Protein backbone atom coordinates (compact mmCIF):
# COMPACT_ATOMS: atom_id res chain seq x y z
CA MET A 1 -6.46 -15.19 39.60
CA PRO A 2 -5.02 -11.71 38.97
CA PRO A 3 -6.22 -10.07 35.81
CA ALA A 4 -4.06 -10.44 32.57
CA LEU A 5 -1.40 -7.68 32.09
CA GLU A 6 -3.32 -6.49 29.02
CA ASP A 7 -6.44 -6.07 30.90
CA THR A 8 -4.66 -4.29 33.73
CA ILE A 9 -3.23 -1.78 31.14
CA ILE A 10 -6.66 -1.26 29.50
CA GLY A 11 -8.25 -0.65 32.89
CA LEU A 12 -5.78 1.88 33.91
CA LEU A 13 -6.09 3.75 30.62
CA SER A 14 -9.74 3.69 30.79
CA VAL A 15 -10.28 5.08 34.28
CA ASP A 16 -7.64 7.77 34.31
CA GLU A 17 -7.59 10.20 31.42
CA PHE A 18 -4.58 12.06 32.83
CA LEU A 19 -2.45 8.90 32.76
CA THR A 20 0.16 9.34 29.91
CA ASP A 21 2.84 6.60 30.19
CA LEU A 22 3.34 3.16 31.64
CA HIS A 23 6.67 1.57 32.56
CA LEU A 24 6.90 -2.19 32.54
CA ALA A 25 9.86 -4.52 33.46
CA ALA A 26 9.71 -8.24 34.56
CA GLY A 27 9.78 -8.69 38.35
CA GLU A 28 9.23 -4.99 39.04
CA PRO A 29 6.12 -3.08 39.93
CA MET A 30 4.41 -1.38 37.02
CA ARG A 31 4.74 2.34 37.16
CA SER A 32 2.55 5.05 35.70
CA ARG A 33 3.17 8.76 34.81
CA ARG A 34 0.25 11.09 35.59
CA CYS A 35 0.47 14.81 35.13
CA GLY A 36 4.22 14.47 34.90
CA THR A 37 4.61 12.42 38.21
CA LEU A 38 5.81 8.78 38.06
CA SER A 39 4.37 6.56 40.71
CA VAL A 40 4.04 2.74 41.44
CA VAL A 41 0.74 1.05 40.47
CA GLU A 42 -0.06 -0.94 43.57
CA ASP A 43 -0.35 -4.80 43.42
CA ALA A 44 0.85 -4.72 39.89
CA ILE A 45 4.11 -6.66 39.79
CA VAL A 46 4.94 -7.55 36.13
CA ASP A 47 5.44 -11.18 35.60
CA GLU A 48 7.91 -12.20 32.92
CA SER A 49 5.65 -14.62 31.05
CA ALA A 50 2.79 -12.08 31.06
CA LEU A 51 5.22 -9.42 29.68
CA PHE A 52 6.18 -11.64 26.79
CA SER A 53 2.68 -12.60 26.14
CA LEU A 54 1.76 -8.90 25.83
CA LEU A 55 4.75 -8.18 23.66
CA ARG A 56 3.75 -11.02 21.15
CA GLY A 57 0.46 -9.12 20.67
CA LEU A 58 2.05 -5.67 20.33
CA VAL A 59 5.23 -5.91 18.27
CA ALA A 60 6.65 -8.03 15.49
CA LEU A 61 10.47 -7.83 15.54
CA GLU A 62 12.46 -9.38 12.79
CA GLY A 63 14.63 -12.22 14.13
CA ALA A 64 12.37 -12.73 17.05
CA ALA A 65 10.28 -15.64 15.88
CA GLY A 66 7.58 -16.62 18.37
CA GLY A 67 8.40 -13.66 20.55
CA HIS A 68 10.28 -15.64 22.98
CA ALA A 69 12.40 -13.90 25.61
CA GLU A 70 15.94 -14.86 24.28
CA ALA A 71 14.82 -14.22 20.65
CA LEU A 72 13.69 -10.74 21.55
CA ARG A 73 16.87 -10.02 23.31
CA ARG A 74 18.97 -11.20 20.50
CA ALA A 75 16.90 -9.32 17.95
CA LEU A 76 17.32 -6.10 19.99
CA ARG A 77 21.03 -6.44 20.47
CA LEU A 78 21.35 -6.31 16.65
CA ARG A 79 19.39 -3.03 16.46
CA ASP A 80 21.12 0.34 16.71
CA GLY A 81 20.67 1.49 20.27
CA GLY A 82 19.16 -1.78 21.37
CA ALA A 83 15.60 -0.42 21.25
CA LEU A 84 12.52 -0.50 19.09
CA ASP A 85 9.79 2.14 18.63
CA PHE A 86 6.34 0.87 17.56
CA SER A 87 2.72 1.91 17.59
CA ALA A 88 0.02 -0.46 18.76
CA GLU A 89 -3.59 -0.77 19.97
CA LEU A 90 -4.97 -2.26 23.10
CA GLY A 91 -8.76 -2.33 23.24
CA SER A 92 -9.85 1.10 22.27
CA HIS A 93 -6.55 2.72 23.21
CA ARG A 94 -3.81 3.68 20.74
CA LEU A 95 -0.22 3.45 22.15
CA ARG A 96 3.32 4.30 21.27
CA GLY A 97 5.69 1.82 22.58
CA ASN A 98 9.56 1.57 23.13
CA LEU A 99 10.94 -1.86 23.78
CA HIS A 100 14.55 -1.84 25.06
CA LEU A 101 17.30 -3.78 26.70
CA ARG A 102 17.98 -3.15 30.32
CA THR A 103 20.98 -3.92 32.51
CA GLY A 104 21.72 -7.72 32.63
CA GLY A 105 19.77 -8.23 29.43
CA SER A 106 16.17 -7.91 30.73
CA LEU A 107 13.58 -6.14 28.71
CA GLY A 108 11.84 -2.91 29.46
CA LEU A 109 8.73 -1.56 27.91
CA VAL A 110 7.44 1.99 27.95
CA LEU A 111 3.86 2.62 26.63
CA ARG A 112 2.68 6.15 25.80
CA ARG A 113 -1.05 6.99 25.33
CA LEU A 114 -1.81 8.41 21.92
CA ARG A 115 -4.97 10.61 21.76
CA ASP A 116 -7.58 10.16 19.12
CA THR A 117 -8.65 13.68 18.73
CA VAL A 118 -6.36 16.46 17.49
CA PRO A 119 -7.01 19.64 19.77
CA ASP A 120 -7.83 22.90 18.37
CA LEU A 121 -4.85 25.25 18.22
CA ASP A 122 -6.54 27.87 20.45
CA ALA A 123 -7.20 25.28 23.14
CA LEU A 124 -3.59 24.72 23.86
CA GLY A 125 -2.81 28.07 25.20
CA LEU A 126 -0.13 28.86 22.76
CA PRO A 127 0.93 32.42 21.73
CA VAL A 128 -1.71 34.10 19.34
CA LEU A 129 1.05 35.01 16.89
CA LEU A 130 1.76 31.38 16.23
CA ARG A 131 -1.36 31.05 14.07
CA ARG A 132 -0.17 33.97 11.87
CA LEU A 133 3.29 32.43 11.49
CA VAL A 134 2.02 29.06 10.28
CA ASP A 135 -0.28 30.75 7.83
CA ARG A 136 2.80 31.87 5.94
CA SER A 137 3.53 29.79 2.88
CA ARG A 138 7.20 28.90 3.54
CA GLY A 139 9.89 28.71 6.21
CA LEU A 140 10.89 26.59 9.05
CA LEU A 141 9.01 26.48 12.54
CA LEU A 142 10.74 24.45 15.23
CA VAL A 143 8.82 23.19 18.25
CA THR A 144 11.23 22.35 21.04
CA GLY A 145 11.14 21.03 24.69
CA PRO A 146 11.72 17.95 26.78
CA THR A 147 10.21 14.61 26.14
CA GLY A 148 6.45 14.51 27.16
CA THR A 149 5.71 18.15 26.97
CA GLY A 150 3.22 17.86 24.10
CA LYS A 151 5.44 18.76 21.04
CA SER A 152 3.73 16.18 18.89
CA THR A 153 0.34 17.51 19.98
CA THR A 154 1.31 21.02 19.09
CA LEU A 155 2.47 19.88 15.55
CA ALA A 156 -0.87 18.13 15.03
CA ALA A 157 -2.93 21.03 16.07
CA LEU A 158 -0.90 23.26 13.67
CA VAL A 159 -1.55 20.83 10.78
CA ARG A 160 -5.25 20.59 11.70
CA HIS A 161 -5.41 24.38 11.63
CA LEU A 162 -3.78 24.51 8.14
CA VAL A 163 -5.86 21.69 6.49
CA CYS A 164 -9.04 23.06 7.90
CA SER A 165 -8.54 26.56 6.71
CA ARG A 166 -6.76 26.06 3.36
CA ALA A 167 -6.73 23.57 0.45
CA LEU A 168 -3.13 22.32 0.81
CA HIS A 169 -1.28 19.05 1.08
CA ALA A 170 0.43 18.42 4.42
CA LEU A 171 2.91 15.39 4.41
CA THR A 172 3.97 14.19 7.94
CA ILE A 173 6.87 12.04 8.62
CA GLU A 174 6.83 10.29 12.16
CA ASP A 175 8.31 7.49 14.11
CA PRO A 176 5.74 6.20 14.90
CA ILE A 177 2.62 8.03 13.58
CA GLU A 178 0.95 9.60 16.69
CA TYR A 179 -2.12 11.30 15.46
CA ARG A 180 -4.44 10.38 12.49
CA LEU A 181 -5.08 13.65 10.80
CA ASP A 182 -8.42 13.35 8.83
CA ARG A 183 -12.10 14.24 9.19
CA THR A 184 -12.56 11.91 12.06
CA THR A 185 -9.90 13.47 14.30
CA CYS A 186 -11.18 17.11 13.93
CA PRO A 187 -13.49 18.16 16.79
CA GLY A 188 -16.89 19.45 16.00
CA GLY A 189 -16.80 17.97 12.50
CA ALA A 190 -14.55 20.74 11.15
CA CYS A 191 -14.53 21.01 7.51
CA VAL A 192 -11.18 19.76 5.99
CA LEU A 193 -10.13 21.53 2.90
CA GLY A 194 -6.74 20.21 2.57
CA HIS A 195 -5.55 16.59 2.93
CA VAL A 196 -2.80 14.92 4.95
CA THR A 197 -0.36 12.22 3.86
CA SER A 198 1.24 10.27 6.74
CA ARG A 199 4.57 8.30 6.40
CA GLU A 200 6.08 6.11 9.19
CA VAL A 201 9.71 5.75 9.55
CA GLY A 202 10.75 2.07 9.49
CA THR A 203 7.60 1.20 7.59
CA ASP A 204 7.12 3.67 4.78
CA ALA A 205 10.75 5.00 4.73
CA PRO A 206 14.04 3.93 6.08
CA ASP A 207 14.86 7.02 8.04
CA PHE A 208 13.72 10.63 8.45
CA ALA A 209 16.36 12.16 6.08
CA SER A 210 15.38 10.07 3.13
CA ALA A 211 11.67 10.63 3.84
CA VAL A 212 12.11 14.33 3.88
CA ARG A 213 14.15 14.36 0.48
CA ALA A 214 11.47 12.07 -1.04
CA ALA A 215 8.75 14.35 0.25
CA MET A 216 9.91 17.25 -1.82
CA ARG A 217 8.89 15.19 -4.90
CA GLN A 218 5.48 14.51 -3.62
CA ASP A 219 3.99 17.87 -4.10
CA PRO A 220 3.59 18.96 -0.50
CA ASP A 221 2.70 22.40 0.77
CA VAL A 222 3.75 21.50 4.31
CA ILE A 223 6.20 19.00 5.49
CA VAL A 224 6.07 17.86 9.09
CA ILE A 225 9.05 16.14 10.63
CA GLY A 226 8.29 14.23 13.85
CA GLU A 227 11.79 14.77 15.18
CA ILE A 228 15.14 16.01 13.97
CA ARG A 229 17.80 13.80 15.37
CA ASP A 230 20.77 14.13 13.24
CA ARG A 231 22.69 16.12 10.57
CA ALA A 232 21.24 14.45 7.53
CA THR A 233 17.60 15.18 8.73
CA MET A 234 18.53 18.83 9.64
CA HIS A 235 20.08 19.41 6.21
CA ALA A 236 17.10 18.01 4.46
CA ALA A 237 14.72 20.15 6.65
CA LEU A 238 16.82 23.31 5.64
CA SER A 239 16.79 22.54 2.07
CA ALA A 240 13.07 21.87 1.96
CA ALA A 241 12.33 25.14 3.66
CA GLU A 242 14.78 26.85 1.30
CA THR A 243 12.92 25.53 -1.77
CA GLY A 244 9.85 27.14 -0.66
CA HIS A 245 7.88 24.69 1.60
CA LEU A 246 6.59 25.32 5.04
CA VAL A 247 8.56 22.89 7.36
CA LEU A 248 7.26 22.13 10.88
CA ALA A 249 9.61 20.00 13.05
CA THR A 250 10.36 18.98 16.60
CA LEU A 251 13.78 19.31 18.31
CA HIS A 252 15.14 18.45 21.78
CA ALA A 253 16.26 21.77 23.34
CA PRO A 254 15.30 23.43 26.56
CA ASN A 255 14.59 26.89 25.22
CA ALA A 256 14.54 29.02 21.91
CA SER A 257 18.03 30.26 22.01
CA GLU A 258 19.56 26.83 22.62
CA ALA A 259 17.42 25.36 19.86
CA VAL A 260 19.31 27.74 17.47
CA GLU A 261 22.67 26.40 18.93
CA ARG A 262 21.46 22.87 18.56
CA VAL A 263 20.56 23.32 14.99
CA LEU A 264 23.96 24.79 14.18
CA SER A 265 25.71 22.04 16.17
CA PHE A 266 24.72 19.43 13.55
CA PHE A 267 27.10 20.91 10.98
CA ALA A 268 30.91 20.64 10.69
CA PRO A 269 33.01 23.79 10.47
CA GLU A 270 33.37 23.67 6.79
CA GLU A 271 29.60 23.65 6.40
CA MET A 272 28.87 26.46 8.82
CA THR A 273 28.69 29.47 6.50
CA TRP A 274 26.04 27.64 4.45
CA ALA A 275 24.13 26.41 7.53
CA ARG A 276 23.96 29.89 9.18
CA SER A 277 22.98 31.64 5.93
CA VAL A 278 20.16 29.22 5.08
CA PHE A 279 18.94 28.84 8.64
CA ALA A 280 18.77 32.61 9.06
CA ASN A 281 17.00 32.92 5.71
CA VAL A 282 14.35 30.26 6.31
CA LEU A 283 13.68 30.43 10.03
CA ALA A 284 10.16 31.57 10.90
CA ALA A 285 10.12 31.05 14.62
CA VAL A 286 11.10 28.72 17.46
CA LEU A 287 8.57 27.60 19.89
CA SER A 288 9.59 26.01 23.23
CA GLN A 289 7.14 24.44 25.59
CA ALA A 290 6.93 22.78 28.99
CA LEU A 291 4.24 21.46 31.34
CA VAL A 292 3.94 22.47 34.96
CA GLN A 293 1.61 21.07 37.62
CA ARG A 294 -1.30 23.30 38.52
CA ARG A 295 -2.15 24.17 42.03
CA ASP A 296 -5.72 24.08 41.70
CA GLU A 297 -6.52 20.92 39.70
CA ALA A 298 -5.06 17.63 38.82
CA ALA A 299 -3.87 18.87 35.47
CA GLN A 300 -0.69 20.62 33.99
CA ALA A 301 -0.38 24.07 32.71
CA MET A 302 1.38 24.81 29.36
CA VAL A 303 4.08 27.45 29.55
CA CYS A 304 5.89 28.34 26.37
CA GLU A 305 8.49 30.60 24.78
CA LEU A 306 8.37 32.09 21.28
CA MET A 307 11.29 33.52 19.40
CA VAL A 308 10.20 35.09 16.13
CA SER A 309 12.60 35.49 13.26
CA THR A 310 13.24 39.30 13.39
CA PRO A 311 16.11 41.08 11.53
CA ALA A 312 17.89 41.18 14.86
CA VAL A 313 17.58 37.34 15.45
CA ARG A 314 18.76 36.68 11.80
CA GLN A 315 21.79 38.84 12.26
CA GLN A 316 22.90 36.89 15.39
CA ILE A 317 22.48 33.66 13.55
CA LEU A 318 24.46 34.88 10.62
CA GLN A 319 27.27 36.31 12.97
CA GLY A 320 27.15 33.16 15.23
CA THR A 321 26.67 35.33 18.16
CA THR A 322 23.73 33.28 19.53
CA GLY A 323 24.52 34.20 23.06
CA GLN A 324 22.80 37.49 22.40
CA LEU A 325 19.49 35.98 21.54
CA ARG A 326 18.03 36.03 25.02
CA GLY A 327 18.72 39.76 25.45
CA ILE A 328 16.98 40.34 22.10
CA MET A 329 13.91 38.37 23.23
CA ALA A 330 13.72 40.12 26.53
CA GLN A 331 13.70 43.61 24.83
CA GLY A 332 11.49 42.54 21.93
CA ARG A 333 8.08 41.91 23.11
CA ARG A 334 6.55 44.32 20.50
CA ASP A 335 8.12 41.94 17.85
CA GLY A 336 6.14 38.96 19.34
CA HIS A 337 8.81 37.38 21.41
CA VAL A 338 7.66 35.52 24.53
CA GLN A 339 9.96 34.30 27.33
CA MET A 340 9.14 31.21 29.11
CA THR A 341 10.73 32.43 32.34
CA ALA A 342 8.54 35.43 32.37
CA GLN A 343 5.47 33.22 31.88
CA LEU A 344 6.53 31.08 34.89
CA VAL A 345 7.14 34.20 37.10
CA ASP A 346 3.60 35.50 36.10
CA ARG A 347 1.88 32.21 36.91
CA VAL A 348 3.70 31.87 40.19
CA ARG A 349 2.58 35.41 41.21
CA ARG A 350 -1.00 34.59 40.22
CA GLY A 351 -0.97 31.45 42.38
CA GLU A 352 -1.55 29.01 39.53
CA ILE A 353 1.73 27.08 39.97
CA ALA A 354 4.22 26.67 42.78
CA GLU A 355 7.56 28.34 42.66
CA ASP A 356 9.49 25.01 43.07
CA ASP A 357 7.62 23.52 40.08
CA ALA A 358 8.33 26.59 38.05
CA ARG A 359 12.06 26.64 39.07
CA TYR A 360 12.32 22.96 38.00
CA VAL A 361 11.37 23.60 34.31
CA ALA A 362 12.90 27.21 34.08
CA HIS A 363 15.86 27.52 31.69
CA PRO A 364 18.06 29.31 32.17
CA ALA A 365 17.35 29.13 35.98
CA GLU A 366 19.44 32.33 36.64
CA GLU A 367 16.99 34.27 34.36
CA PHE A 368 14.01 32.90 36.24
CA ALA A 369 15.57 33.79 39.64
CA TRP A 370 16.40 37.32 38.44
CA LEU A 371 12.90 37.88 37.12
CA MET A 372 11.25 36.50 40.40
CA GLN A 373 13.43 39.05 42.36
CA SER A 374 12.37 41.81 39.98
CA ALA A 375 8.64 41.09 39.78
CA PRO A 376 6.21 42.87 42.10
CA GLY A 377 6.28 41.27 45.46
CA GLY A 378 9.71 39.64 44.69
CA GLN A 379 12.68 39.94 47.12
CA GLY A 380 14.32 42.54 44.87
CA ALA A 381 11.15 44.74 44.46
C-alpha cells in the first residue's frame, strides 16, 4: 500500500532541506521546487480522495462542511479570486498553503515550507548599509522582488535585528504569519529587548489596510506589512510612515526604480501630488532581491539592489521623472546605491553563477548586457 499523502509530504520535507514548495492536483504527479527549479516527484501521483483527506486536516473553509470536494469548490467560488491562503502544520513542519480552483473546477494546492529559525541579518548577504537604514526611527523601507526570493525572510531578519538591539514594539501584519518572532526563534539564544505583536489577515483583521490603520493606535515603533497589494494599504503605509513610524513592507516589483513607479501607480491623478510629496519625504530605501543558482553547490545565491533615499532620488520622485533613477543609482555608489545588474556581472566573472542564470533574473536585461560587455573580459572590453 502506498504511503498516505501526508506521510509522503512529511518525508520529502524531512530529507531535503532545500525543498521550498510542493504543488498538488488530483490525477497529476506531485511537483517540488528545489533551489528555484520545479521537478516531478517520481511515483507520486496525487489521488483525489487522498488530496481531500489532506485538506480536511489542513484548512477549515466556511461553507465547506465536511471538506467534501464539491463543498470546497463551491466555497472557493464564493471567495474573491477563487483561492484561500492559510497556514498549517504537518508533523514538525510549518507550511503556508494556497488552495485554489483550476480549469474545469478541479482543486490545486501549493504548500510552501516556513522556517522555524529567523536568520541573522548578516547571514543573508545583504548590503551592510541596510542595518544602518533600519536603525533610523522612522520612514518607509520597501523590500521587493518576485515570489519566492526571500522577501519575508528579509523582513523577519530586519525585525529580529531591531528587537534584539532595542527595546521597541514591532507589530507585524501578514497573510498568513510566516515567522514566529520571539526568543525561541532567535539563533544562539539572542537577548530580545523589544517585543513583537503578530496579526494575521483574515483571522485577526479583515484586510491589510484596516490592520495598518488600527496598528497606529497600538503604540508600535515598527509596523511590518507582509505585502502591499492595493491602494488602501499603500495609503495606510505612507500615512503610518508620515506620522513617525518605521514601516517595513514588501511589494512585487522587479527592481528598485520600478518599485517607485509601482507605488505611485496605486494613486489616481488627483492624488498624485500628495502621493509624490509624502513618498519622497518618508522613503528610506528600496531593497530588491533575487535568488540565482550557484555553480559550486546545491544552493542559491542572493543578489540584491539597494536604492537609498538621497536628495537626487527624492527630487525625481517629486518631479515624476522616475526614469532617471537608474542613472542616479549607477553614478551614486558613494551614496550607498547598489545595482543588482552589477552584482550579477561580478558573480558571473568570478564563476559563482552561470551567465544564462544571471540573465534570467536581470532587470533591465539591456543594462545587464551592457555591463557584461563593459566588464573586464567582456566582449566590449
